[in-house]
C-alpha cells in the first residue's frame, strides 16, 4: 500500500485507527486522482472528519463532521482558510480544555477564534519539536 509508506509523522504518533483512516483514504484517492498533493489533501480531509490535531498528534473528536470551512466545502470549491486540524466547530469550552492541555497562557481571556489560532500555533510548535527529535 503506498499510503503506509507516506504516513505523516503526526499521524504515526496518533491512535492506530487514525493511521488506518489516513492510509485508506490516501490509497483510495491515489486510485482516483493519482499520487500527489490531492491524495494527501483527501487523506487529511477524511482524518479531520473524526480527529482533531492536539499538539503533535491527532485525537478523536467529540463529534464527527467537518473541522473547518474548507473541509465543509469539499473539492472544487474556492479555497477557504483551514485551522491546521483544530476543530473550529467544537465548543469554546472544548477548545479551552485543549488549550489548557497544551499549556497555552492567556486562554481564559481568549475568544473562540483566538483559541483556535492559539491551538493551531501550539500544534505547529509541538509538531516541529517532535520532528526535530526524530519521533
N, C-alpha and C. Protein backbone atom coordinates (compact mmCIF):
# COMPACT_ATOMS: atom_id res chain seq x y z
N UNK A 1 0.83 -1.19 0.00
CA UNK A 1 0.00 0.00 0.00
C UNK A 1 0.87 1.24 0.00
N UNK A 2 0.71 2.12 -0.97
CA UNK A 2 1.55 3.32 -0.99
C UNK A 2 1.33 4.23 0.22
N UNK A 3 0.12 4.29 0.74
CA UNK A 3 -0.17 5.16 1.88
C UNK A 3 0.63 4.80 3.11
N UNK A 4 0.87 3.51 3.34
CA UNK A 4 1.66 3.07 4.52
C UNK A 4 3.05 3.69 4.52
N UNK A 5 3.58 3.91 3.33
CA UNK A 5 4.94 4.45 3.23
C UNK A 5 4.97 5.98 3.35
N UNK A 6 3.81 6.62 3.25
CA UNK A 6 3.76 8.08 3.22
C UNK A 6 3.03 8.69 4.41
N UNK A 7 2.75 7.90 5.43
CA UNK A 7 2.01 8.42 6.58
C UNK A 7 2.81 9.53 7.25
N UNK A 8 2.21 10.71 7.41
CA UNK A 8 2.91 11.81 8.08
C UNK A 8 3.23 11.46 9.54
N UNK A 9 4.27 12.07 10.07
CA UNK A 9 4.71 11.75 11.42
C UNK A 9 3.64 12.06 12.47
N UNK A 10 2.85 13.11 12.27
CA UNK A 10 1.80 13.43 13.24
C UNK A 10 0.75 12.33 13.28
N UNK A 11 0.51 11.70 12.16
CA UNK A 11 -0.47 10.60 12.09
C UNK A 11 0.12 9.35 12.72
N UNK A 12 1.41 9.13 12.52
CA UNK A 12 2.08 7.96 13.13
C UNK A 12 2.04 8.02 14.66
N UNK A 13 2.05 9.23 15.23
CA UNK A 13 2.01 9.39 16.68
C UNK A 13 0.59 9.34 17.23
N UNK A 14 -0.37 9.09 16.38
CA UNK A 14 -1.79 9.11 16.74
C UNK A 14 -2.31 7.69 16.94
N UNK A 15 -3.56 7.56 17.40
CA UNK A 15 -4.13 6.21 17.55
C UNK A 15 -4.10 5.42 16.23
N UNK A 16 -4.03 4.11 16.35
CA UNK A 16 -3.96 3.25 15.17
C UNK A 16 -5.11 3.49 14.19
N UNK A 17 -6.30 3.72 14.72
CA UNK A 17 -7.46 3.94 13.85
C UNK A 17 -7.28 5.21 13.01
N UNK A 18 -6.65 6.23 13.57
CA UNK A 18 -6.39 7.46 12.81
C UNK A 18 -5.44 7.15 11.65
N UNK A 19 -4.43 6.36 11.93
CA UNK A 19 -3.48 6.00 10.86
C UNK A 19 -4.17 5.16 9.78
N UNK A 20 -5.00 4.21 10.19
CA UNK A 20 -5.73 3.40 9.21
C UNK A 20 -6.66 4.26 8.36
N UNK A 21 -7.32 5.23 8.99
CA UNK A 21 -8.20 6.15 8.25
C UNK A 21 -7.42 6.91 7.20
N UNK A 22 -6.26 7.45 7.60
CA UNK A 22 -5.44 8.23 6.67
C UNK A 22 -4.98 7.37 5.50
N UNK A 23 -4.49 6.17 5.80
CA UNK A 23 -3.97 5.28 4.75
C UNK A 23 -5.07 4.87 3.78
N UNK A 24 -6.22 4.48 4.32
CA UNK A 24 -7.32 4.03 3.46
C UNK A 24 -7.78 5.16 2.53
N UNK A 25 -7.95 6.36 3.09
CA UNK A 25 -8.38 7.50 2.27
C UNK A 25 -7.30 7.87 1.25
N UNK A 26 -6.05 7.83 1.65
CA UNK A 26 -4.95 8.15 0.73
C UNK A 26 -4.92 7.17 -0.43
N UNK A 27 -4.99 5.89 -0.12
CA UNK A 27 -4.90 4.88 -1.18
C UNK A 27 -6.09 4.97 -2.14
N UNK A 28 -7.26 5.25 -1.61
CA UNK A 28 -8.44 5.43 -2.45
C UNK A 28 -8.28 6.65 -3.36
N UNK A 29 -7.75 7.73 -2.80
CA UNK A 29 -7.53 8.95 -3.58
C UNK A 29 -6.47 8.74 -4.65
N UNK A 30 -5.45 7.95 -4.35
CA UNK A 30 -4.42 7.65 -5.36
C UNK A 30 -5.05 6.92 -6.54
N UNK A 31 -5.96 6.00 -6.25
CA UNK A 31 -6.64 5.28 -7.33
C UNK A 31 -7.47 6.23 -8.18
N UNK A 32 -8.09 7.22 -7.55
CA UNK A 32 -8.96 8.16 -8.26
C UNK A 32 -8.21 9.29 -8.95
N UNK A 33 -7.23 9.88 -8.25
CA UNK A 33 -6.57 11.08 -8.75
C UNK A 33 -5.10 10.91 -9.09
N UNK A 34 -4.50 9.80 -8.69
CA UNK A 34 -3.08 9.62 -8.87
C UNK A 34 -2.33 10.11 -7.63
N UNK A 35 -1.06 9.79 -7.55
CA UNK A 35 -0.24 10.17 -6.41
C UNK A 35 0.00 11.67 -6.43
N UNK A 36 0.12 12.26 -5.25
CA UNK A 36 0.45 13.68 -5.18
C UNK A 36 -0.35 14.42 -4.13
N UNK A 37 -0.33 15.73 -4.28
CA UNK A 37 -0.92 16.62 -3.29
C UNK A 37 -2.40 16.34 -3.05
N UNK A 38 -3.15 16.09 -4.11
CA UNK A 38 -4.59 15.88 -3.94
C UNK A 38 -4.88 14.63 -3.11
N UNK A 39 -4.08 13.59 -3.27
CA UNK A 39 -4.26 12.37 -2.47
C UNK A 39 -4.01 12.67 -0.99
N UNK A 40 -3.00 13.46 -0.71
CA UNK A 40 -2.71 13.82 0.69
C UNK A 40 -3.81 14.70 1.27
N UNK A 41 -4.29 15.66 0.49
CA UNK A 41 -5.36 16.54 0.97
C UNK A 41 -6.62 15.72 1.26
N UNK A 42 -6.91 14.76 0.41
CA UNK A 42 -8.09 13.91 0.60
C UNK A 42 -7.94 13.09 1.88
N UNK A 43 -6.74 12.55 2.11
CA UNK A 43 -6.50 11.75 3.31
C UNK A 43 -6.65 12.60 4.57
N UNK A 44 -6.13 13.83 4.54
CA UNK A 44 -6.28 14.72 5.70
C UNK A 44 -7.74 15.10 5.91
N UNK A 45 -8.48 15.32 4.83
CA UNK A 45 -9.90 15.67 4.96
C UNK A 45 -10.67 14.54 5.64
N UNK A 46 -10.36 13.30 5.26
CA UNK A 46 -11.01 12.15 5.90
C UNK A 46 -10.63 12.06 7.38
N UNK A 47 -9.37 12.30 7.67
CA UNK A 47 -8.89 12.25 9.05
C UNK A 47 -9.58 13.33 9.90
N UNK A 48 -9.69 14.55 9.35
CA UNK A 48 -10.28 15.67 10.09
C UNK A 48 -11.76 15.47 10.38
N UNK A 49 -12.40 14.54 9.68
CA UNK A 49 -13.82 14.28 9.92
C UNK A 49 -14.04 13.66 11.30
N UNK A 50 -13.06 12.86 11.76
CA UNK A 50 -13.20 12.15 13.04
C UNK A 50 -12.15 12.50 14.07
N UNK A 51 -11.09 13.21 13.67
CA UNK A 51 -9.97 13.51 14.57
C UNK A 51 -9.65 14.99 14.51
N UNK A 52 -9.04 15.48 15.61
CA UNK A 52 -8.56 16.86 15.66
C UNK A 52 -7.10 16.85 16.07
N UNK A 53 -6.38 17.87 15.61
CA UNK A 53 -4.96 17.97 15.92
C UNK A 53 -4.79 18.52 17.33
N UNK A 54 -4.04 17.80 18.14
CA UNK A 54 -3.75 18.21 19.51
C UNK A 54 -2.25 18.07 19.69
N UNK A 55 -1.57 19.20 19.70
CA UNK A 55 -0.11 19.15 19.82
C UNK A 55 0.51 18.48 18.61
N UNK A 56 1.24 17.39 18.84
CA UNK A 56 1.95 16.72 17.75
C UNK A 56 1.26 15.44 17.29
N UNK A 57 -0.03 15.30 17.57
CA UNK A 57 -0.75 14.07 17.21
C UNK A 57 -2.21 14.40 16.92
N UNK A 58 -2.96 13.41 16.48
CA UNK A 58 -4.39 13.54 16.20
C UNK A 58 -5.15 12.73 17.24
N UNK A 59 -6.19 13.34 17.81
CA UNK A 59 -7.02 12.70 18.84
C UNK A 59 -8.46 12.64 18.34
N UNK A 60 -9.23 11.64 18.78
CA UNK A 60 -10.64 11.56 18.36
C UNK A 60 -11.42 12.80 18.79
N UNK A 61 -12.32 13.24 17.89
CA UNK A 61 -13.17 14.39 18.20
C UNK A 61 -14.39 13.92 18.98
N UNK A 62 -15.04 14.84 19.66
CA UNK A 62 -16.26 14.54 20.40
C UNK A 62 -17.41 14.22 19.46
N UNK A 63 -17.39 14.81 18.29
CA UNK A 63 -18.45 14.59 17.30
C UNK A 63 -17.81 14.52 15.92
N UNK A 64 -18.42 13.75 15.04
CA UNK A 64 -17.88 13.66 13.69
C UNK A 64 -18.41 14.80 12.84
N UNK A 65 -17.64 15.14 11.85
CA UNK A 65 -18.06 16.19 10.92
C UNK A 65 -16.88 17.03 10.50
N UNK A 66 -17.11 17.92 9.54
CA UNK A 66 -16.01 18.76 9.05
C UNK A 66 -15.45 19.64 10.16
N UNK A 67 -14.14 19.85 10.11
CA UNK A 67 -13.49 20.61 11.19
C UNK A 67 -13.37 22.09 10.89
N UNK A 68 -13.52 22.49 9.64
CA UNK A 68 -13.39 23.90 9.30
C UNK A 68 -14.12 24.17 7.99
N UNK A 69 -14.11 25.42 7.56
CA UNK A 69 -14.86 25.82 6.36
C UNK A 69 -14.35 25.11 5.11
N UNK A 70 -13.06 24.86 5.00
CA UNK A 70 -12.51 24.19 3.83
C UNK A 70 -13.00 22.74 3.77
N UNK A 71 -12.97 22.06 4.89
CA UNK A 71 -13.41 20.66 4.93
C UNK A 71 -14.91 20.56 4.64
N UNK A 72 -15.65 21.55 5.07
CA UNK A 72 -17.10 21.55 4.84
C UNK A 72 -17.44 21.73 3.36
N UNK A 73 -16.64 22.54 2.66
CA UNK A 73 -16.92 22.84 1.25
C UNK A 73 -16.57 21.71 0.30
N UNK A 74 -15.52 20.97 0.58
CA UNK A 74 -15.12 19.87 -0.29
C UNK A 74 -14.33 20.35 -1.50
N UNK A 75 -13.97 19.38 -2.34
CA UNK A 75 -13.17 19.65 -3.53
C UNK A 75 -13.97 20.48 -4.53
N UNK A 76 -13.27 21.25 -5.32
CA UNK A 76 -13.91 22.02 -6.36
C UNK A 76 -14.43 23.37 -5.90
N UNK A 77 -14.36 23.64 -4.61
CA UNK A 77 -14.80 24.92 -4.08
C UNK A 77 -13.63 25.89 -4.06
N UNK A 78 -13.94 27.16 -3.89
CA UNK A 78 -12.87 28.13 -3.71
C UNK A 78 -12.15 27.80 -2.42
N UNK A 79 -10.82 27.87 -2.41
CA UNK A 79 -10.08 27.55 -1.18
C UNK A 79 -10.50 28.48 -0.03
N UNK A 80 -10.66 27.89 1.13
CA UNK A 80 -11.02 28.62 2.34
C UNK A 80 -9.93 28.38 3.37
N UNK A 81 -9.83 29.25 4.36
CA UNK A 81 -8.79 29.03 5.38
C UNK A 81 -9.06 27.76 6.18
N UNK A 82 -7.99 27.09 6.55
CA UNK A 82 -8.10 25.92 7.42
C UNK A 82 -7.53 26.29 8.78
N UNK A 83 -7.74 25.42 9.73
CA UNK A 83 -7.24 25.68 11.08
C UNK A 83 -6.19 24.65 11.47
N UNK A 84 -5.54 24.04 10.50
CA UNK A 84 -4.45 23.12 10.80
C UNK A 84 -4.86 21.91 11.61
N UNK A 85 -6.09 21.48 11.46
CA UNK A 85 -6.56 20.30 12.19
C UNK A 85 -7.32 20.61 13.46
N UNK A 86 -7.36 21.89 13.86
CA UNK A 86 -8.14 22.28 15.04
C UNK A 86 -9.61 22.25 14.64
N UNK A 87 -10.44 21.68 15.48
CA UNK A 87 -11.86 21.56 15.19
C UNK A 87 -12.56 22.87 15.50
N UNK A 88 -12.75 23.71 14.48
CA UNK A 88 -13.36 25.02 14.67
C UNK A 88 -14.85 24.93 15.03
N UNK A 89 -15.46 23.78 14.80
CA UNK A 89 -16.88 23.62 15.14
C UNK A 89 -17.07 23.17 16.59
N UNK A 90 -15.99 22.89 17.30
CA UNK A 90 -16.09 22.49 18.71
C UNK A 90 -16.51 23.69 19.56
N UNK A 91 -17.04 23.40 20.72
CA UNK A 91 -17.47 24.47 21.63
C UNK A 91 -16.24 25.23 22.16
N UNK A 92 -16.49 26.44 22.63
CA UNK A 92 -15.42 27.23 23.22
C UNK A 92 -14.86 26.50 24.45
N UNK A 93 -15.72 25.85 25.20
CA UNK A 93 -15.28 25.11 26.39
C UNK A 93 -14.32 23.99 26.01
N UNK A 94 -14.63 23.28 24.92
CA UNK A 94 -13.76 22.20 24.46
C UNK A 94 -12.40 22.77 24.03
N UNK A 95 -12.44 23.85 23.28
CA UNK A 95 -11.19 24.47 22.83
C UNK A 95 -10.38 24.96 24.03
N UNK A 96 -11.06 25.49 25.04
CA UNK A 96 -10.38 25.94 26.25
C UNK A 96 -9.68 24.76 26.94
N UNK A 97 -10.38 23.62 27.05
CA UNK A 97 -9.77 22.43 27.67
C UNK A 97 -8.53 21.98 26.90
N UNK A 98 -8.61 21.98 25.57
CA UNK A 98 -7.45 21.61 24.75
C UNK A 98 -6.31 22.60 24.98
N UNK A 99 -6.64 23.89 25.08
CA UNK A 99 -5.61 24.90 25.32
C UNK A 99 -4.94 24.68 26.68
N UNK A 100 -5.74 24.30 27.67
CA UNK A 100 -5.18 24.00 29.00
C UNK A 100 -4.24 22.80 28.91
N UNK A 101 -4.64 21.74 28.17
CA UNK A 101 -3.78 20.56 28.00
C UNK A 101 -2.43 20.93 27.40
N UNK A 102 -2.44 21.90 26.48
CA UNK A 102 -1.21 22.29 25.80
C UNK A 102 -0.47 23.43 26.51
N UNK A 103 -1.01 23.88 27.64
CA UNK A 103 -0.34 24.92 28.43
C UNK A 103 -0.32 26.29 27.78
N UNK A 104 -1.36 26.63 27.05
CA UNK A 104 -1.43 27.92 26.39
C UNK A 104 -1.80 28.98 27.42
N UNK A 105 -0.94 29.97 27.57
CA UNK A 105 -1.21 31.02 28.57
C UNK A 105 -2.18 32.06 28.00
N UNK A 106 -2.93 32.68 28.89
CA UNK A 106 -3.89 33.70 28.50
C UNK A 106 -5.18 33.14 27.93
N UNK A 107 -5.36 31.83 27.99
CA UNK A 107 -6.51 31.19 27.36
C UNK A 107 -7.84 31.63 27.95
N UNK A 108 -7.87 31.97 29.23
CA UNK A 108 -9.15 32.34 29.85
C UNK A 108 -9.69 33.66 29.31
N UNK A 109 -8.84 34.49 28.74
CA UNK A 109 -9.27 35.77 28.19
C UNK A 109 -9.50 35.71 26.68
N UNK A 110 -9.29 34.55 26.07
CA UNK A 110 -9.38 34.46 24.61
C UNK A 110 -10.81 34.19 24.13
N UNK A 111 -11.10 34.76 22.97
CA UNK A 111 -12.36 34.47 22.29
C UNK A 111 -12.20 33.11 21.59
N UNK A 112 -13.27 32.58 21.07
CA UNK A 112 -13.20 31.30 20.37
C UNK A 112 -12.23 31.36 19.18
N UNK A 113 -12.31 32.37 18.30
CA UNK A 113 -11.34 32.43 17.20
C UNK A 113 -9.89 32.54 17.69
N UNK A 114 -9.68 33.25 18.79
CA UNK A 114 -8.32 33.37 19.35
C UNK A 114 -7.84 32.02 19.88
N UNK A 115 -8.74 31.25 20.51
CA UNK A 115 -8.38 29.92 20.99
C UNK A 115 -8.01 29.01 19.83
N UNK A 116 -8.78 29.07 18.74
CA UNK A 116 -8.49 28.25 17.56
C UNK A 116 -7.09 28.57 17.04
N UNK A 117 -6.79 29.85 16.89
CA UNK A 117 -5.48 30.25 16.36
C UNK A 117 -4.35 29.85 17.33
N UNK A 118 -4.57 30.03 18.62
CA UNK A 118 -3.55 29.65 19.61
C UNK A 118 -3.31 28.14 19.58
N UNK A 119 -4.38 27.35 19.45
CA UNK A 119 -4.23 25.89 19.36
C UNK A 119 -3.50 25.49 18.09
N UNK A 120 -3.81 26.16 17.00
CA UNK A 120 -3.12 25.88 15.75
C UNK A 120 -1.62 26.15 15.87
N UNK A 121 -1.27 27.29 16.45
CA UNK A 121 0.15 27.63 16.63
C UNK A 121 0.84 26.65 17.57
N UNK A 122 0.16 26.29 18.67
CA UNK A 122 0.76 25.34 19.62
C UNK A 122 0.98 23.98 18.96
N UNK A 123 0.04 23.55 18.15
CA UNK A 123 0.19 22.27 17.46
C UNK A 123 1.36 22.31 16.49
N UNK A 124 1.50 23.43 15.78
CA UNK A 124 2.63 23.58 14.86
C UNK A 124 3.96 23.49 15.61
N UNK A 125 4.03 24.17 16.78
CA UNK A 125 5.26 24.13 17.59
C UNK A 125 5.57 22.72 18.08
N UNK A 126 4.54 22.03 18.60
CA UNK A 126 4.73 20.67 19.11
C UNK A 126 5.16 19.72 18.00
N UNK A 127 4.57 19.87 16.83
CA UNK A 127 4.93 19.02 15.69
C UNK A 127 6.38 19.27 15.29
N UNK A 128 6.78 20.54 15.23
CA UNK A 128 8.16 20.87 14.87
C UNK A 128 9.15 20.29 15.88
N UNK A 129 8.81 20.40 17.18
CA UNK A 129 9.69 19.83 18.22
C UNK A 129 9.82 18.33 18.06
N UNK A 130 8.70 17.66 17.82
CA UNK A 130 8.71 16.21 17.68
C UNK A 130 9.53 15.78 16.46
N UNK A 131 9.40 16.53 15.38
CA UNK A 131 10.17 16.19 14.17
C UNK A 131 11.65 16.42 14.39
N UNK A 132 11.99 17.48 15.14
CA UNK A 132 13.41 17.75 15.45
C UNK A 132 14.01 16.62 16.28
N UNK A 133 13.20 16.03 17.14
CA UNK A 133 13.67 14.91 17.97
C UNK A 133 13.71 13.61 17.19
N UNK A 134 13.14 13.62 15.98
CA UNK A 134 13.14 12.41 15.17
C UNK A 134 12.06 11.41 15.52
N UNK A 135 10.99 11.87 16.16
CA UNK A 135 9.90 10.96 16.51
C UNK A 135 8.90 10.87 15.40
